[in-house]
Amino acid sequence: MKLARLLPTRLLSALALSLVASAVHADTLVVFAAASLTNALQDIGKTFQTHSGHTVKFSFAASSALARQIEAGAQAQVFLSADEQWMDYLAERKLLAAGTRTDLLGNSLVLVTPIDSKASVTLKPGFDLAALLGDGRLATGDPAHVPVGKYAKDALTKLGAWQAAEPRLVRADSVRAALVLVERGEVPAGIVYATDAAVSPKVRVAGVFPADTHAPITYPAAIVAGQDTPAARAFMQWLRGNESTAVFTRYGFSIK
């Protein structure tokens, strides 16, 4: 008799959990993120979906392009930028949910060459960029709007090499686009983040830019204004969790 009395309650509980799970799965979270976060966030997104039930869709591109899309009304719920400027850009336009912005990650800047290159450079004032490039060009993000390009310009300027680099620069629309040019051997060298170099078997690090040659590479994250949903909050919390921290660390990011 006791089991008979408990059975309806258990069935109702199971039904309730099923309905809740269905409702959670119906939530699709759209995350706009800097291209350099592609591999790490794809891994993190899978575990987040498994544990939360929320579906996650990512859009990866240059931070500048994503910020402007959000400004134009793109329905992203969470934004992760590769620098503070483009997060500031949205904040100044009241396009971030109040109190949700946080500095999440750090990175470093490296000079890469195709995997079969033997080049090695000590990146210090007066280094011979022309000798490294030969008749070729240097790829990085467009300094006018792509974060990695701005960091690269700052670093090259500090080292006295910008004047030589500028006319030979291939201005890619994202750090991953610059990386591809080096991978294919279309340019003899490129400037990317250390984490991008680490995920490519087709390039090698020829030199590491000293941290004091450019502004700190900081990745802020925030919920977009009007999109402060439980799913967005859960994802922001997940980014700070132990599982996500382990993934970011494995890909070479530093944790803020």
Protein backbone atom coordinates (compact mmCIF):
# COMPACT_ATOMS: atom_id res chain seq x y z
CA MET A 1 0.00 0.00 0.00
CA LYS A 2 2.82 2.39 0.87
CA LEU A 3 4.45 1.83 -2.54
CA ALA A 4 1.12 2.35 -4.26
CA ARG A 5 0.70 5.71 -2.51
CA LEU A 6 4.21 6.81 -3.51
CA LEU A 7 4.00 5.79 -7.15
CA PRO A 8 1.72 8.60 -8.39
CA THR A 9 3.97 11.18 -6.70
CA ARG A 10 7.06 9.74 -8.35
CA LEU A 11 5.35 9.70 -11.73
CA LEU A 12 4.30 13.31 -11.31
CA SER A 13 7.84 14.28 -10.29
CA ALA A 14 9.30 12.55 -13.32
CA LEU A 15 6.76 14.29 -15.54
CA ALA A 16 7.59 17.65 -13.98
CA LEU A 17 11.31 17.12 -14.51
CA SER A 18 10.66 16.14 -18.11
CA LEU A 19 8.64 19.30 -18.71
CA VAL A 20 11.32 21.45 -17.11
CA ALA A 21 14.02 19.80 -19.20
CA SER A 22 11.99 20.41 -22.35
CA ALA A 23 11.59 24.06 -21.46
CA VAL A 24 15.31 24.42 -20.81
CA HIS A 25 16.21 22.75 -24.10
CA ALA A 26 13.93 25.22 -25.87
CA ASP A 27 16.28 28.06 -24.83
CA THR A 28 18.88 28.84 -27.46
CA LEU A 29 21.75 31.02 -26.31
CA VAL A 30 23.55 33.06 -28.98
CA VAL A 31 27.12 33.96 -28.05
CA PHE A 32 29.25 36.41 -30.05
CA ALA A 33 32.95 35.85 -29.38
CA ALA A 34 36.36 36.92 -30.63
CA ALA A 35 37.82 34.56 -33.27
CA SER A 36 40.74 33.63 -31.01
CA LEU A 37 38.31 31.98 -28.60
CA THR A 38 36.94 29.56 -31.20
CA ASN A 39 38.47 26.27 -30.06
CA ALA A 40 38.16 26.85 -26.32
CA LEU A 41 34.56 28.03 -26.47
CA GLN A 42 33.48 25.21 -28.75
CA ASP A 43 34.73 22.75 -26.12
CA ILE A 44 33.15 24.73 -23.30
CA GLY A 45 29.88 25.05 -25.19
CA LYS A 46 29.54 21.27 -25.46
CA THR A 47 29.92 20.71 -21.73
CA PHE A 48 27.65 23.64 -20.92
CA GLN A 49 24.91 22.20 -23.13
CA THR A 50 25.26 18.79 -21.52
CA HIS A 51 25.05 20.13 -17.97
CA SER A 52 22.49 22.92 -18.45
CA GLY A 53 20.28 21.74 -21.29
CA HIS A 54 20.60 25.10 -23.01
CA THR A 55 21.50 25.09 -26.69
CA VAL A 56 24.46 27.33 -27.51
CA LYS A 57 25.17 28.87 -30.90
CA PHE A 58 28.44 30.74 -31.42
CA SER A 59 29.37 33.43 -33.89
CA PHE A 60 33.14 33.96 -34.09
CA ALA A 61 34.71 36.98 -35.79
CA ALA A 62 36.78 40.06 -35.06
CA SER A 63 35.57 41.81 -31.90
CA SER A 64 34.99 45.01 -33.87
CA ALA A 65 32.69 43.31 -36.37
CA LEU A 66 30.70 41.60 -33.62
CA ALA A 67 30.33 44.80 -31.57
CA ARG A 68 28.99 46.64 -34.60
CA GLN A 69 26.56 43.81 -35.33
CA ILE A 70 25.26 44.06 -31.76
CA GLU A 71 24.94 47.82 -32.18
CA ALA A 72 22.94 47.18 -35.35
CA GLY A 73 20.50 44.97 -33.44
CA ALA A 74 21.91 41.45 -33.77
CA GLN A 75 20.22 39.20 -31.21
CA ALA A 76 23.29 38.05 -29.29
CA GLN A 77 22.88 37.42 -25.59
CA VAL A 78 26.53 37.23 -24.55
CA PHE A 79 29.58 39.00 -25.98
CA LEU A 80 33.23 38.08 -25.42
CA SER A 81 35.73 40.57 -26.81
CA ALA A 82 39.48 40.22 -27.41
CA ASP A 83 40.07 43.71 -26.03
CA GLU A 84 38.44 46.25 -23.79
CA GLN A 85 37.94 48.91 -26.44
CA TRP A 86 35.10 47.13 -28.22
CA MET A 87 33.40 46.26 -24.95
CA ASP A 88 33.74 49.93 -24.00
CA TYR A 89 32.20 50.78 -27.37
CA LEU A 90 29.03 48.89 -26.44
CA ALA A 91 29.04 50.16 -22.86
CA GLU A 92 29.14 53.77 -24.05
CA ARG A 93 26.04 53.06 -26.13
CA LYS A 94 24.20 51.46 -23.20
CA LEU A 95 24.21 48.09 -24.94
CA LEU A 96 25.46 45.97 -22.04
CA ALA A 97 23.33 44.60 -19.21
CA ALA A 98 24.23 46.48 -16.04
CA GLY A 99 26.60 44.74 -13.68
CA THR A 100 27.40 41.78 -15.98
CA ARG A 101 30.74 42.87 -17.44
CA THR A 102 33.79 40.99 -16.21
CA ASP A 103 37.42 40.63 -17.29
CA LEU A 104 37.70 36.92 -18.04
CA LEU A 105 41.01 36.03 -19.69
CA GLY A 106 44.47 37.16 -20.74
CA ASN A 107 46.77 36.20 -23.62
CA SER A 108 50.19 36.95 -25.10
CA LEU A 109 51.40 38.08 -28.52
CA VAL A 110 53.74 36.04 -30.71
CA LEU A 111 55.47 36.12 -34.08
CA VAL A 112 54.79 32.98 -36.10
CA THR A 113 56.27 31.50 -39.26
CA PRO A 114 55.31 28.47 -41.37
CA ILE A 115 56.16 25.17 -39.69
CA ASP A 116 59.06 24.43 -42.03
CA SER A 117 60.76 27.75 -41.32
CA LYS A 118 63.91 27.80 -39.22
CA ALA A 119 63.60 31.50 -38.31
CA SER A 120 64.02 32.53 -34.69
CA VAL A 121 63.89 36.14 -33.52
CA THR A 122 64.60 37.90 -30.26
CA LEU A 123 61.97 40.62 -30.27
CA LYS A 124 63.86 43.57 -28.86
CA PRO A 125 64.48 47.17 -30.02
CA GLY A 126 66.26 47.17 -33.35
CA PHE A 127 65.41 43.60 -34.40
CA ASP A 128 65.77 43.09 -38.15
CA LEU A 129 62.24 42.65 -39.47
CA ALA A 130 63.31 43.15 -43.08
CA ALA A 131 65.71 40.21 -42.88
CA LEU A 132 62.94 38.02 -41.49
CA LEU A 133 60.45 38.93 -44.21
CA GLY A 134 62.79 38.90 -47.18
CA ASP A 135 60.62 39.71 -50.19
CA GLY A 136 57.46 38.70 -48.33
CA ARG A 137 54.91 40.45 -46.16
CA LEU A 138 53.72 40.36 -42.55
CA ALA A 139 50.18 39.24 -41.68
CA THR A 140 48.15 40.33 -38.67
CA GLY A 141 44.74 41.80 -37.95
CA ASP A 142 43.94 45.21 -39.40
CA PRO A 143 45.23 47.66 -36.74
CA ALA A 144 42.37 50.01 -37.58
CA HIS A 145 39.79 47.76 -35.95
CA VAL A 146 41.02 44.20 -35.16
CA PRO A 147 42.40 43.86 -31.60
CA VAL A 148 45.38 41.65 -32.48
CA GLY A 149 46.41 44.19 -35.10
CA LYS A 150 46.28 47.02 -32.58
CA TYR A 151 48.42 45.05 -30.15
CA ALA A 152 50.83 44.23 -32.99
CA LYS A 153 51.11 47.88 -34.04
CA ASP A 154 51.79 48.93 -30.45
CA ALA A 155 54.46 46.25 -30.04
CA LEU A 156 56.19 47.00 -33.33
CA THR A 157 56.10 50.72 -32.58
CA LYS A 158 57.66 50.16 -29.17
CA LEU A 159 60.41 48.07 -30.77
CA GLY A 160 61.05 50.62 -33.52
CA ALA A 161 59.85 48.33 -36.31
CA TRP A 162 56.46 49.79 -37.23
CA GLN A 163 57.82 52.10 -39.94
CA ALA A 164 59.34 49.10 -41.72
CA ALA A 165 56.31 46.88 -41.11
CA GLU A 166 53.47 49.18 -42.11
CA PRO A 167 53.96 49.18 -45.91
CA ARG A 168 54.37 45.40 -45.92
CA LEU A 169 51.41 44.59 -43.71
CA VAL A 170 48.65 42.22 -44.79
CA ARG A 171 45.65 43.53 -42.85
CA ALA A 172 43.46 40.51 -42.12
CA ASP A 173 39.89 40.81 -40.89
CA SER A 174 40.54 38.58 -37.85
CA VAL A 175 43.41 36.86 -36.07
CA ARG A 176 42.37 33.50 -37.50
CA ALA A 177 42.45 34.92 -41.04
CA ALA A 178 46.00 36.13 -40.40
CA LEU A 179 46.95 32.71 -39.03
CA VAL A 180 45.67 30.99 -42.19
CA LEU A 181 47.92 33.16 -44.36
CA VAL A 182 50.95 31.93 -42.43
CA GLU A 183 49.73 28.32 -42.42
CA ARG A 184 49.44 28.38 -46.22
CA GLY A 185 52.87 29.95 -46.62
CA GLU A 186 51.37 32.98 -48.33
CA VAL A 187 53.42 35.17 -46.00
CA PRO A 188 56.69 34.35 -44.25
CA ALA A 189 55.50 35.64 -40.87
CA GLY A 190 52.49 36.81 -38.91
CA ILE A 191 51.60 38.23 -35.54
CA VAL A 192 48.88 36.36 -33.64
CA TYR A 193 48.00 35.40 -30.09
CA ALA A 194 49.95 32.61 -28.43
CA THR A 195 46.73 30.58 -28.14
CA ASP A 196 46.18 30.71 -31.91
CA ALA A 197 49.72 29.53 -32.57
CA ALA A 198 49.19 26.68 -30.11
CA VAL A 199 46.19 25.21 -31.94
CA SER A 200 47.83 25.19 -35.36
CA PRO A 201 50.18 22.35 -36.38
CA LYS A 202 51.20 24.38 -39.45
CA VAL A 203 53.00 27.27 -37.75
CA ARG A 204 55.80 27.66 -35.25
CA VAL A 205 56.52 30.44 -32.79
CA ALA A 206 59.60 32.36 -33.93
CA GLY A 207 59.46 34.96 -31.17
CA VAL A 208 57.41 36.20 -28.22
CA PHE A 209 56.69 39.90 -27.79
CA PRO A 210 57.59 41.18 -24.31
CA ALA A 211 54.45 42.00 -22.33
CA ASP A 212 55.57 45.60 -21.84
CA THR A 213 55.55 46.32 -25.58
CA HIS A 214 51.77 46.44 -25.78
CA ALA A 215 48.69 46.95 -23.62
CA PRO A 216 47.63 43.94 -21.53
CA ILE A 217 45.63 41.54 -23.69
CA THR A 218 42.34 41.28 -21.84
CA TYR A 219 39.16 39.42 -22.80
CA PRO A 220 36.08 40.95 -21.16
CA ALA A 221 32.70 39.22 -21.25
CA ALA A 222 29.22 40.66 -20.71
CA ILE A 223 25.54 40.04 -21.27
CA VAL A 224 23.97 42.23 -23.94
CA ALA A 225 21.37 44.78 -22.82
CA GLY A 226 17.85 43.36 -22.94
CA GLN A 227 19.16 39.80 -23.05
CA ASP A 228 19.75 39.20 -19.33
CA THR A 229 18.07 35.79 -19.25
CA PRO A 230 18.61 32.83 -16.92
CA ALA A 231 20.41 31.04 -19.78
CA ALA A 232 22.77 33.98 -20.29
CA ARG A 233 23.45 34.19 -16.54
CA ALA A 234 24.08 30.46 -16.39
CA PHE A 235 26.58 30.66 -19.25
CA MET A 236 28.44 33.58 -17.68
CA GLN A 237 28.67 31.60 -14.44
CA TRP A 238 29.83 28.51 -16.34
CA LEU A 239 32.67 30.50 -17.91
CA ARG A 240 34.02 31.07 -14.40
CA GLY A 241 33.62 27.45 -13.30
CA ASN A 242 36.37 24.91 -12.80
CA GLU A 243 35.63 22.98 -16.00
CA SER A 244 35.79 26.09 -18.16
CA THR A 245 38.89 27.37 -16.39
CA ALA A 246 40.61 24.07 -17.12
CA VAL A 247 39.73 24.35 -20.82
CA PHE A 248 40.93 27.94 -21.10
CA THR A 249 44.17 27.04 -19.35
CA ARG A 250 44.70 24.05 -21.61
CA TYR A 251 44.46 26.31 -24.64
CA GLY A 252 47.00 28.71 -23.15
CA PHE A 253 44.83 31.55 -21.84
CA SER A 254 45.58 33.12 -18.49
CA ILE A 255 42.67 33.50 -16.06
CA LYS A 256 41.77 36.93 -14.71
